[in-house]
Amino acid sequence: IHRTPVLTSTLLNELSGTQIFFKCENFQRMGAFKMR
């Protein structure tokens, strides 16, 4: 499997009022977490 990246967005943090850490399984092999 790929160890997928974690991305953040200042704008989405401001919009939600939280700090969000997106675990990007869209970058996993075959494009989804189900590879795991």
PDB file of all heavy atoms in Angstrom:
ATOM      1  N   ILE A   1       0.841  -1.203   0.000  1.00  0.00           N
ATOM      2  CA  ILE A   1       0.000   0.000   0.000  1.00  0.00           C
ATOM      3  C   ILE A   1       0.874   1.250   0.000  1.00  0.00           C
ATOM      4  O   ILE A   1       2.083   1.179   0.233  1.00  0.00           O
ATOM      5  CB  ILE A   1      -0.921   0.045   1.245  1.00  0.00           C
ATOM      6  CG1 ILE A   1      -0.080   0.089   2.537  1.00  0.00           C
ATOM      7  CG2 ILE A   1      -1.898  -1.130   1.241  1.00  0.00           C
ATOM      8  CD1 ILE A   1      -0.864   0.402   3.796  1.00  0.00           C
ATOM      9  N   HIS A   2       0.256   2.379  -0.271  1.00  0.00           N
ATOM     10  CA  HIS A   2       0.921   3.675  -0.087  1.00  0.00           C
ATOM     11  C   HIS A   2       0.616   4.195   1.315  1.00  0.00           C
ATOM     12  O   HIS A   2      -0.506   4.024   1.807  1.00  0.00           O
ATOM     13  CB  HIS A   2       0.398   4.711  -1.088  1.00  0.00           C
ATOM     14  CG  HIS A   2       0.714   4.392  -2.513  1.00  0.00           C
ATOM     15  ND1 HIS A   2       1.906   3.851  -2.920  1.00  0.00           N
ATOM     16  CD2 HIS A   2      -0.029   4.567  -3.649  1.00  0.00           C
ATOM     17  CE1 HIS A   2       1.898   3.695  -4.240  1.00  0.00           C
ATOM     18  NE2 HIS A   2       0.740   4.107  -4.700  1.00  0.00           N
ATOM     19  N   ARG A   3       1.611   4.820   1.934  1.00  0.00           N
ATOM     20  CA  ARG A   3       1.333   5.618   3.130  1.00  0.00           C
ATOM     21  C   ARG A   3       0.881   6.982   2.615  1.00  0.00           C
ATOM     22  O   ARG A   3       1.694   7.814   2.204  1.00  0.00           O
ATOM     23  CB  ARG A   3       2.556   5.759   4.030  1.00  0.00           C
ATOM     24  CG  ARG A   3       2.197   6.483   5.335  1.00  0.00           C
ATOM     25  CD  ARG A   3       3.372   6.625   6.277  1.00  0.00           C
ATOM     26  NE  ARG A   3       2.961   7.366   7.455  1.00  0.00           N
ATOM     27  CZ  ARG A   3       2.924   6.884   8.688  1.00  0.00           C
ATOM     28  NH1 ARG A   3       3.279   5.616   8.912  1.00  0.00           N
ATOM     29  NH2 ARG A   3       2.543   7.630   9.708  1.00  0.00           N
ATOM     30  N   THR A   4      -0.410   7.192   2.588  1.00  0.00           N
ATOM     31  CA  THR A   4      -0.986   8.356   1.922  1.00  0.00           C
ATOM     32  C   THR A   4      -0.724   9.642   2.700  1.00  0.00           C
ATOM     33  O   THR A   4      -0.585   9.624   3.925  1.00  0.00           O
ATOM     34  CB  THR A   4      -2.501   8.168   1.728  1.00  0.00           C
ATOM     35  OG1 THR A   4      -3.089   7.802   2.987  1.00  0.00           O
ATOM     36  CG2 THR A   4      -2.777   7.085   0.701  1.00  0.00           C
ATOM     37  N   PRO A   5      -0.667  10.773   1.994  1.00  0.00           N
ATOM     38  CA  PRO A   5      -0.377  12.042   2.661  1.00  0.00           C
ATOM     39  C   PRO A   5      -1.553  12.570   3.479  1.00  0.00           C
ATOM     40  O   PRO A   5      -2.699  12.151   3.285  1.00  0.00           O
ATOM     41  CB  PRO A   5      -0.088  12.988   1.491  1.00  0.00           C
ATOM     42  CG  PRO A   5      -0.861  12.417   0.347  1.00  0.00           C
ATOM     43  CD  PRO A   5      -0.818  10.926   0.538  1.00  0.00           C
ATOM     44  N   VAL A   6      -1.236  13.468   4.395  1.00  0.00           N
ATOM     45  CA  VAL A   6      -2.250  14.205   5.151  1.00  0.00           C
ATOM     46  C   VAL A   6      -2.173  15.657   4.725  1.00  0.00           C
ATOM     47  O   VAL A   6      -1.112  16.281   4.802  1.00  0.00           O
ATOM     48  CB  VAL A   6      -2.014  14.081   6.675  1.00  0.00           C
ATOM     49  CG1 VAL A   6      -3.056  14.904   7.445  1.00  0.00           C
ATOM     50  CG2 VAL A   6      -2.052  12.623   7.109  1.00  0.00           C
ATOM     51  N   LEU A   7      -3.272  16.196   4.229  1.00  0.00           N
ATOM     52  CA  LEU A   7      -3.307  17.573   3.742  1.00  0.00           C
ATOM     53  C   LEU A   7      -4.161  18.455   4.642  1.00  0.00           C
ATOM     54  O   LEU A   7      -5.077  17.973   5.315  1.00  0.00           O
ATOM     55  CB  LEU A   7      -3.852  17.620   2.312  1.00  0.00           C
ATOM     56  CG  LEU A   7      -3.071  16.861   1.233  1.00  0.00           C
ATOM     57  CD1 LEU A   7      -3.707  17.085  -0.135  1.00  0.00           C
ATOM     58  CD2 LEU A   7      -1.603  17.267   1.205  1.00  0.00           C
ATOM     59  N   THR A   8      -3.850  19.743   4.629  1.00  0.00           N
ATOM     60  CA  THR A   8      -4.633  20.719   5.391  1.00  0.00           C
ATOM     61  C   THR A   8      -4.993  21.889   4.487  1.00  0.00           C
ATOM     62  O   THR A   8      -4.405  22.070   3.414  1.00  0.00           O
ATOM     63  CB  THR A   8      -3.842  21.250   6.604  1.00  0.00           C
ATOM     64  OG1 THR A   8      -2.646  21.887   6.130  1.00  0.00           O
ATOM     65  CG2 THR A   8      -3.472  20.127   7.555  1.00  0.00           C
ATOM     66  N   SER A   9      -5.952  22.683   4.920  1.00  0.00           N
ATOM     67  CA  SER A   9      -6.378  23.867   4.172  1.00  0.00           C
ATOM     68  C   SER A   9      -6.738  24.968   5.151  1.00  0.00           C
ATOM     69  O   SER A   9      -7.650  24.801   5.965  1.00  0.00           O
ATOM     70  CB  SER A   9      -7.591  23.550   3.291  1.00  0.00           C
ATOM     71  OG  SER A   9      -8.216  24.730   2.834  1.00  0.00           O
ATOM     72  N   THR A  10      -6.033  26.072   5.072  1.00  0.00           N
ATOM     73  CA  THR A  10      -6.319  27.208   5.949  1.00  0.00           C
ATOM     74  C   THR A  10      -7.746  27.696   5.762  1.00  0.00           C
ATOM     75  O   THR A  10      -8.465  27.986   6.730  1.00  0.00           O
ATOM     76  CB  THR A  10      -5.324  28.361   5.675  1.00  0.00           C
ATOM     77  OG1 THR A  10      -3.998  27.888   5.919  1.00  0.00           O
ATOM     78  CG2 THR A  10      -5.614  29.550   6.576  1.00  0.00           C
ATOM     79  N   LEU A  11      -8.184  27.762   4.507  1.00  0.00           N
ATOM     80  CA  LEU A  11      -9.532  28.259   4.232  1.00  0.00           C
ATOM     81  C   LEU A  11     -10.602  27.333   4.811  1.00  0.00           C
ATOM     82  O   LEU A  11     -11.581  27.797   5.422  1.00  0.00           O
ATOM     83  CB  LEU A  11      -9.746  28.419   2.729  1.00  0.00           C
ATOM     84  CG  LEU A  11     -11.080  29.078   2.348  1.00  0.00           C
ATOM     85  CD1 LEU A  11     -10.909  30.082   1.231  1.00  0.00           C
ATOM     86  CD2 LEU A  11     -12.113  28.024   1.946  1.00  0.00           C
ATOM     87  N   LEU A  12     -10.423  26.011   4.653  1.00  0.00           N
ATOM     88  CA  LEU A  12     -11.415  25.076   5.183  1.00  0.00           C
ATOM     89  C   LEU A  12     -11.388  25.046   6.709  1.00  0.00           C
ATOM     90  O   LEU A  12     -12.422  24.828   7.349  1.00  0.00           O
ATOM     91  CB  LEU A  12     -11.193  23.681   4.601  1.00  0.00           C
ATOM     92  CG  LEU A  12     -11.369  23.569   3.084  1.00  0.00           C
ATOM     93  CD1 LEU A  12     -11.275  22.123   2.632  1.00  0.00           C
ATOM     94  CD2 LEU A  12     -12.689  24.182   2.616  1.00  0.00           C
ATOM     95  N   ASN A  13     -10.222  25.292   7.296  1.00  0.00           N
ATOM     96  CA  ASN A  13     -10.152  25.432   8.753  1.00  0.00           C
ATOM     97  C   ASN A  13     -10.960  26.635   9.219  1.00  0.00           C
ATOM     98  O   ASN A  13     -11.721  26.573  10.186  1.00  0.00           O
ATOM     99  CB  ASN A  13      -8.701  25.593   9.210  1.00  0.00           C
ATOM    100  CG  ASN A  13      -7.911  24.295   9.149  1.00  0.00           C
ATOM    101  OD1 ASN A  13      -8.475  23.223   8.992  1.00  0.00           O
ATOM    102  ND2 ASN A  13      -6.597  24.397   9.265  1.00  0.00           N
ATOM    103  N   GLU A  14     -10.798  27.753   8.511  1.00  0.00           N
ATOM    104  CA  GLU A  14     -11.537  28.967   8.868  1.00  0.00           C
ATOM    105  C   GLU A  14     -13.040  28.769   8.678  1.00  0.00           C
ATOM    106  O   GLU A  14     -13.852  29.211   9.496  1.00  0.00           O
ATOM    107  CB  GLU A  14     -11.042  30.136   8.015  1.00  0.00           C
ATOM    108  CG  GLU A  14      -9.614  30.574   8.344  1.00  0.00           C
ATOM    109  CD  GLU A  14      -9.089  31.617   7.379  1.00  0.00           C
ATOM    110  OE1 GLU A  14      -9.776  31.904   6.366  1.00  0.00           O
ATOM    111  OE2 GLU A  14      -7.984  32.149   7.610  1.00  0.00           O
ATOM    112  N   LEU A  15     -13.395  28.077   7.615  1.00  0.00           N
ATOM    113  CA  LEU A  15     -14.809  27.850   7.309  1.00  0.00           C
ATOM    114  C   LEU A  15     -15.475  26.973   8.365  1.00  0.00           C
ATOM    115  O   LEU A  15     -16.635  27.194   8.729  1.00  0.00           O
ATOM    116  CB  LEU A  15     -14.924  27.187   5.932  1.00  0.00           C
ATOM    117  CG  LEU A  15     -16.297  27.099   5.289  1.00  0.00           C
ATOM    118  CD1 LEU A  15     -16.843  28.491   4.997  1.00  0.00           C
ATOM    119  CD2 LEU A  15     -16.224  26.286   4.003  1.00  0.00           C
ATOM    120  N   SER A  16     -14.741  25.999   8.862  1.00  0.00           N
ATOM    121  CA  SER A  16     -15.308  25.058   9.837  1.00  0.00           C
ATOM    122  C   SER A  16     -15.078  25.473  11.286  1.00  0.00           C
ATOM    123  O   SER A  16     -15.738  24.958  12.195  1.00  0.00           O
ATOM    124  CB  SER A  16     -14.701  23.664   9.619  1.00  0.00           C
ATOM    125  OG  SER A  16     -13.310  23.682   9.886  1.00  0.00           O
ATOM    126  N   GLY A  17     -14.130  26.385  11.498  1.00  0.00           N
ATOM    127  CA  GLY A  17     -13.795  26.774  12.860  1.00  0.00           C
ATOM    128  C   GLY A  17     -12.998  25.716  13.595  1.00  0.00           C
ATOM    129  O   GLY A  17     -12.904  25.726  14.831  1.00  0.00           O
ATOM    130  N   THR A  18     -12.421  24.789  12.846  1.00  0.00           N
ATOM    131  CA  THR A  18     -11.640  23.698  13.430  1.00  0.00           C
ATOM    132  C   THR A  18     -10.315  23.585  12.694  1.00  0.00           C
ATOM    133  O   THR A  18     -10.078  24.276  11.700  1.00  0.00           O
ATOM    134  CB  THR A  18     -12.376  22.348  13.290  1.00  0.00           C
ATOM    135  OG1 THR A  18     -12.505  22.039  11.894  1.00  0.00           O
ATOM    136  CG2 THR A  18     -13.760  22.398  13.915  1.00  0.00           C
ATOM    137  N   GLN A  19      -9.449  22.706  13.189  1.00  0.00           N
ATOM    138  CA  GLN A  19      -8.246  22.326  12.454  1.00  0.00           C
ATOM    139  C   GLN A  19      -8.492  20.945  11.869  1.00  0.00           C
ATOM    140  O   GLN A  19      -8.675  19.972  12.608  1.00  0.00           O
ATOM    141  CB  GLN A  19      -7.026  22.279  13.373  1.00  0.00           C
ATOM    142  CG  GLN A  19      -6.438  23.626  13.720  1.00  0.00           C
ATOM    143  CD  GLN A  19      -5.172  23.437  14.560  1.00  0.00           C
ATOM    144  OE1 GLN A  19      -5.236  23.281  15.778  1.00  0.00           O
ATOM    145  NE2 GLN A  19      -4.024  23.441  13.908  1.00  0.00           N
ATOM    146  N   ILE A  20      -8.505  20.848  10.535  1.00  0.00           N
ATOM    147  CA  ILE A  20      -8.828  19.580   9.880  1.00  0.00           C
ATOM    148  C   ILE A  20      -7.568  18.988   9.248  1.00  0.00           C
ATOM    149  O   ILE A  20      -6.815  19.675   8.561  1.00  0.00           O
ATOM    150  CB  ILE A  20      -9.894  19.760   8.784  1.00  0.00           C
ATOM    151  CG1 ILE A  20     -11.110  20.523   9.310  1.00  0.00           C
ATOM    152  CG2 ILE A  20     -10.326  18.399   8.246  1.00  0.00           C
ATOM    153  CD1 ILE A  20     -12.119  20.865   8.233  1.00  0.00           C
ATOM    154  N   PHE A  21      -7.413  17.689   9.458  1.00  0.00           N
ATOM    155  CA  PHE A  21      -6.302  16.957   8.859  1.00  0.00           C
ATOM    156  C   PHE A  21      -6.901  15.852   7.983  1.00  0.00           C
ATOM    157  O   PHE A  21      -7.474  14.887   8.488  1.00  0.00           O
ATOM    158  CB  PHE A  21      -5.400  16.387   9.958  1.00  0.00           C
ATOM    159  CG  PHE A  21      -4.805  17.458  10.832  1.00  0.00           C
ATOM    160  CD1 PHE A  21      -5.498  17.898  11.965  1.00  0.00           C
ATOM    161  CD2 PHE A  21      -3.607  18.067  10.520  1.00  0.00           C
ATOM    162  CE1 PHE A  21      -4.976  18.907  12.769  1.00  0.00           C
ATOM    163  CE2 PHE A  21      -3.079  19.078  11.309  1.00  0.00           C
ATOM    164  CZ  PHE A  21      -3.763  19.499  12.435  1.00  0.00           C
ATOM    165  N   PHE A  22      -6.794  16.043   6.672  1.00  0.00           N
ATOM    166  CA  PHE A  22      -7.409  15.138   5.706  1.00  0.00           C
ATOM    167  C   PHE A  22      -6.440  14.003   5.359  1.00  0.00           C
ATOM    168  O   PHE A  22      -5.385  14.249   4.774  1.00  0.00           O
ATOM    169  CB  PHE A  22      -7.790  15.882   4.426  1.00  0.00           C
ATOM    170  CG  PHE A  22      -8.878  16.899   4.581  1.00  0.00           C
ATOM    171  CD1 PHE A  22      -8.580  18.241   4.766  1.00  0.00           C
ATOM    172  CD2 PHE A  22     -10.216  16.527   4.515  1.00  0.00           C
ATOM    173  CE1 PHE A  22      -9.582  19.196   4.885  1.00  0.00           C
ATOM    174  CE2 PHE A  22     -11.227  17.474   4.638  1.00  0.00           C
ATOM    175  CZ  PHE A  22     -10.912  18.808   4.822  1.00  0.00           C
ATOM    176  N   LYS A  23      -6.804  12.780   5.706  1.00  0.00           N
ATOM    177  CA  LYS A  23      -6.020  11.607   5.337  1.00  0.00           C
ATOM    178  C   LYS A  23      -6.449  11.180   3.938  1.00  0.00           C
ATOM    179  O   LYS A  23      -7.559  10.695   3.733  1.00  0.00           O
ATOM    180  CB  LYS A  23      -6.248  10.481   6.348  1.00  0.00           C
ATOM    181  CG  LYS A  23      -5.512   9.179   6.041  1.00  0.00           C
ATOM    182  CD  LYS A  23      -4.005   9.327   6.107  1.00  0.00           C
ATOM    183  CE  LYS A  23      -3.327   7.957   6.040  1.00  0.00           C
ATOM    184  NZ  LYS A  23      -1.857   8.067   5.855  1.00  0.00           N
ATOM    185  N   CYS A  24      -5.565  11.364   2.968  1.00  0.00           N
ATOM    186  CA  CYS A  24      -5.953  11.314   1.546  1.00  0.00           C
ATOM    187  C   CYS A  24      -5.843   9.921   0.946  1.00  0.00           C
ATOM    188  O   CYS A  24      -4.906   9.609   0.192  1.00  0.00           O
ATOM    189  CB  CYS A  24      -5.120  12.309   0.764  1.00  0.00           C
ATOM    190  SG  CYS A  24      -5.462  14.019   1.213  1.00  0.00           S
ATOM    191  N   GLU A  25      -6.828   9.089   1.236  1.00  0.00           N
ATOM    192  CA  GLU A  25      -6.867   7.754   0.652  1.00  0.00           C
ATOM    193  C   GLU A  25      -7.286   7.772  -0.820  1.00  0.00           C
ATOM    194  O   GLU A  25      -7.257   6.734  -1.484  1.00  0.00           O
ATOM    195  CB  GLU A  25      -7.792   6.848   1.466  1.00  0.00           C
ATOM    196  CG  GLU A  25      -7.213   6.447   2.810  1.00  0.00           C
ATOM    197  CD  GLU A  25      -5.960   5.591   2.663  1.00  0.00           C
ATOM    198  OE1 GLU A  25      -6.062   4.428   2.233  1.00  0.00           O
ATOM    199  OE2 GLU A  25      -4.855   6.089   2.989  1.00  0.00           O
ATOM    200  N   ASN A  26      -7.654   8.943  -1.318  1.00  0.00           N
ATOM    201  CA  ASN A  26      -7.858   9.085  -2.761  1.00  0.00           C
ATOM    202  C   ASN A  26      -6.535   8.938  -3.509  1.00  0.00           C
ATOM    203  O   ASN A  26      -6.522   8.713  -4.722  1.00  0.00           O
ATOM    204  CB  ASN A  26      -8.521  10.422  -3.096  1.00  0.00           C
ATOM    205  CG  ASN A  26      -7.816  11.610  -2.471  1.00  0.00           C
ATOM    206  OD1 ASN A  26      -7.343  11.544  -1.329  1.00  0.00           O
ATOM    207  ND2 ASN A  26      -7.737  12.714  -3.191  1.00  0.00           N
ATOM    208  N   PHE A  27      -5.411   9.022  -2.784  1.00  0.00           N
ATOM    209  CA  PHE A  27      -4.090   8.808  -3.378  1.00  0.00           C
ATOM    210  C   PHE A  27      -3.572   7.386  -3.125  1.00  0.00           C
ATOM    211  O   PHE A  27      -2.420   7.083  -3.434  1.00  0.00           O
ATOM    212  CB  PHE A  27      -3.077   9.817  -2.820  1.00  0.00           C
ATOM    213  CG  PHE A  27      -3.355  11.242  -3.210  1.00  0.00           C
ATOM    214  CD1 PHE A  27      -3.144  12.270  -2.302  1.00  0.00           C
ATOM    215  CD2 PHE A  27      -3.822  11.570  -4.467  1.00  0.00           C
ATOM    216  CE1 PHE A  27      -3.389  13.595  -2.647  1.00  0.00           C
ATOM    217  CE2 PHE A  27      -4.077  12.888  -4.835  1.00  0.00           C
ATOM    218  CZ  PHE A  27      -3.859  13.900  -3.921  1.00  0.00           C
ATOM    219  N   GLN A  28      -4.413   6.530  -2.556  1.00  0.00           N
ATOM    220  CA  GLN A  28      -4.035   5.137  -2.329  1.00  0.00           C
ATOM    221  C   GLN A  28      -3.952   4.388  -3.658  1.00  0.00           C
ATOM    222  O   GLN A  28      -4.514   4.826  -4.662  1.00  0.00           O
ATOM    223  CB  GLN A  28      -5.065   4.472  -1.411  1.00  0.00           C
ATOM    224  CG  GLN A  28      -4.737   3.075  -0.927  1.00  0.00           C
ATOM    225  CD  GLN A  28      -3.378   2.994  -0.260  1.00  0.00           C
ATOM    226  OE1 GLN A  28      -2.403   2.582  -0.901  1.00  0.00           O
ATOM    227  NE2 GLN A  28      -3.300   3.412   1.000  1.00  0.00           N
ATOM    228  N   ARG A  29      -3.261   3.276  -3.678  1.00  0.00           N
ATOM    229  CA  ARG A  29      -3.259   2.423  -4.877  1.00  0.00           C
ATOM    230  C   ARG A  29      -4.693   2.071  -5.237  1.00  0.00           C
ATOM    231  O   ARG A  29      -5.508   1.792  -4.384  1.00  0.00           O
ATOM    232  CB  ARG A  29      -2.459   1.145  -4.632  1.00  0.00           C
ATOM    233  CG  ARG A  29      -0.968   1.357  -4.438  1.00  0.00           C
ATOM    234  CD  ARG A  29      -0.243   0.037  -4.292  1.00  0.00           C
ATOM    235  NE  ARG A  29      -0.214  -0.700  -5.547  1.00  0.00           N
ATOM    236  CZ  ARG A  29       0.068  -2.003  -5.647  1.00  0.00           C
ATOM    237  NH1 ARG A  29       0.310  -2.716  -4.550  1.00  0.00           N
ATOM    238  NH2 ARG A  29       0.084  -2.595  -6.827  1.00  0.00           N
ATOM    239  N   MET A  30      -5.027   2.111  -6.495  1.00  0.00           N
ATOM    240  CA  MET A  30      -6.357   1.953  -7.092  1.00  0.00           C
ATOM    241  C   MET A  30      -7.349   3.016  -6.643  1.00  0.00           C
ATOM    242  O   MET A  30      -8.505   2.993  -7.002  1.00  0.00           O
ATOM    243  CB  MET A  30      -6.953   0.534  -6.957  1.00  0.00           C
ATOM    244  CG  MET A  30      -7.090  -0.110  -5.614  1.00  0.00           C
ATOM    245  SD  MET A  30      -8.260   0.593  -4.420  1.00  0.00           S
ATOM    246  CE  MET A  30      -9.794   0.645  -5.289  1.00  0.00           C
ATOM    247  N   GLY A  31      -6.862   4.029  -5.909  1.00  0.00           N
ATOM    248  CA  GLY A  31      -7.674   5.215  -5.659  1.00  0.00           C
ATOM    249  C   GLY A  31      -8.601   5.185  -4.473  1.00  0.00           C
ATOM    250  O   GLY A  31      -9.481   6.047  -4.359  1.00  0.00           O
ATOM    251  N   ALA A  32      -8.442   4.217  -3.558  1.00  0.00           N
ATOM    252  CA  ALA A  32      -9.340   4.171  -2.402  1.00  0.00           C
ATOM    253  C   ALA A  32      -8.746   3.343  -1.270  1.00  0.00           C
ATOM    254  O   ALA A  32      -7.879   2.489  -1.488  1.00  0.00           O
ATOM    255  CB  ALA A  32     -10.702   3.582  -2.799  1.00  0.00           C
ATOM    256  N   PHE A  33      -9.263   3.580  -0.060  1.00  0.00           N
ATOM    257  CA  PHE A  33      -8.796   2.903   1.150  1.00  0.00           C
ATOM    258  C   PHE A  33      -8.942   1.393   1.080  1.00  0.00           C
ATOM    259  O   PHE A  33      -8.276   0.652   1.811  1.00  0.00           O
ATOM    260  CB  PHE A  33      -9.572   3.431   2.367  1.00  0.00           C
ATOM    261  CG  PHE A  33     -10.992   2.929   2.445  1.00  0.00           C
ATOM    262  CD1 PHE A  33     -11.320   1.808   3.193  1.00  0.00           C
ATOM    263  CD2 PHE A  33     -12.014   3.582   1.754  1.00  0.00           C
ATOM    264  CE1 PHE A  33     -12.620   1.334   3.252  1.00  0.00           C
ATOM    265  CE2 PHE A  33     -13.319   3.122   1.812  1.00  0.00           C
ATOM    266  CZ  PHE A  33     -13.628   1.989   2.563  1.00  0.00           C
ATOM    267  N   LYS A  34      -9.799   0.896   0.215  1.00  0.00           N
ATOM    268  CA  LYS A  34     -10.118  -0.534   0.221  1.00  0.00           C
ATOM    269  C   LYS A  34      -8.951  -1.417  -0.190  1.00  0.00           C
ATOM    270  O   LYS A  34      -8.962  -2.627   0.045  1.00  0.00           O
ATOM    271  CB  LYS A  34     -11.338  -0.800  -0.663  1.00  0.00           C
ATOM    272  CG  LYS A  34     -12.600  -0.191  -0.062  1.00  0.00           C
ATOM    273  CD  LYS A  34     -13.871  -0.733  -0.650  1.00  0.00           C
ATOM    274  CE  LYS A  34     -15.077  -0.190   0.119  1.00  0.00           C
ATOM    275  NZ  LYS A  34     -16.347  -0.741  -0.347  1.00  0.00           N
ATOM    276  N   MET A  35      -7.919  -0.815  -0.760  1.00  0.00           N
ATOM    277  CA  MET A  35      -6.706  -1.574  -1.051  1.00  0.00           C
ATOM    278  C   MET A  35      -6.114  -2.152   0.230  1.00  0.00           C
ATOM    279  O   MET A  35      -5.547  -3.253   0.230  1.00  0.00           O
ATOM    280  CB  MET A  35      -5.692  -0.660  -1.748  1.00  0.00           C
ATOM    281  CG  MET A  35      -4.402  -1.339  -2.159  1.00  0.00           C
ATOM    282  SD  MET A  35      -4.691  -2.551  -3.463  1.00  0.00           S
ATOM    283  CE  MET A  35      -3.080  -3.342  -3.515  1.00  0.00           C
ATOM    284  N   ARG A  36      -6.245  -1.425   1.320  1.00  0.00           N
ATOM    285  CA  ARG A  36      -5.688  -1.870   2.606  1.00  0.00           C
ATOM    286  C   ARG A  36      -6.357  -3.158   3.084  1.00  0.00           C
ATOM    287  O   ARG A  36      -5.687  -4.132   3.454  1.00  0.00           O
ATOM    288  CB  ARG A  36      -5.882  -0.767   3.657  1.00  0.00           C
ATOM    289  CG  ARG A  36      -5.115   0.512   3.363  1.00  0.00           C
ATOM    290  CD  ARG A  36      -5.486   1.614   4.358  1.00  0.00           C
ATOM    291  NE  ARG A  36      -4.776   2.855   4.093  1.00  0.00           N
ATOM    292  CZ  ARG A  36      -3.591   3.185   4.608  1.00  0.00           C
ATOM    293  NH1 ARG A  36      -2.988   2.350   5.443  1.00  0.00           N
ATOM    294  NH2 ARG A  36      -3.026   4.336   4.323  1.00  0.00           N
TER     295      ARG A  36
END
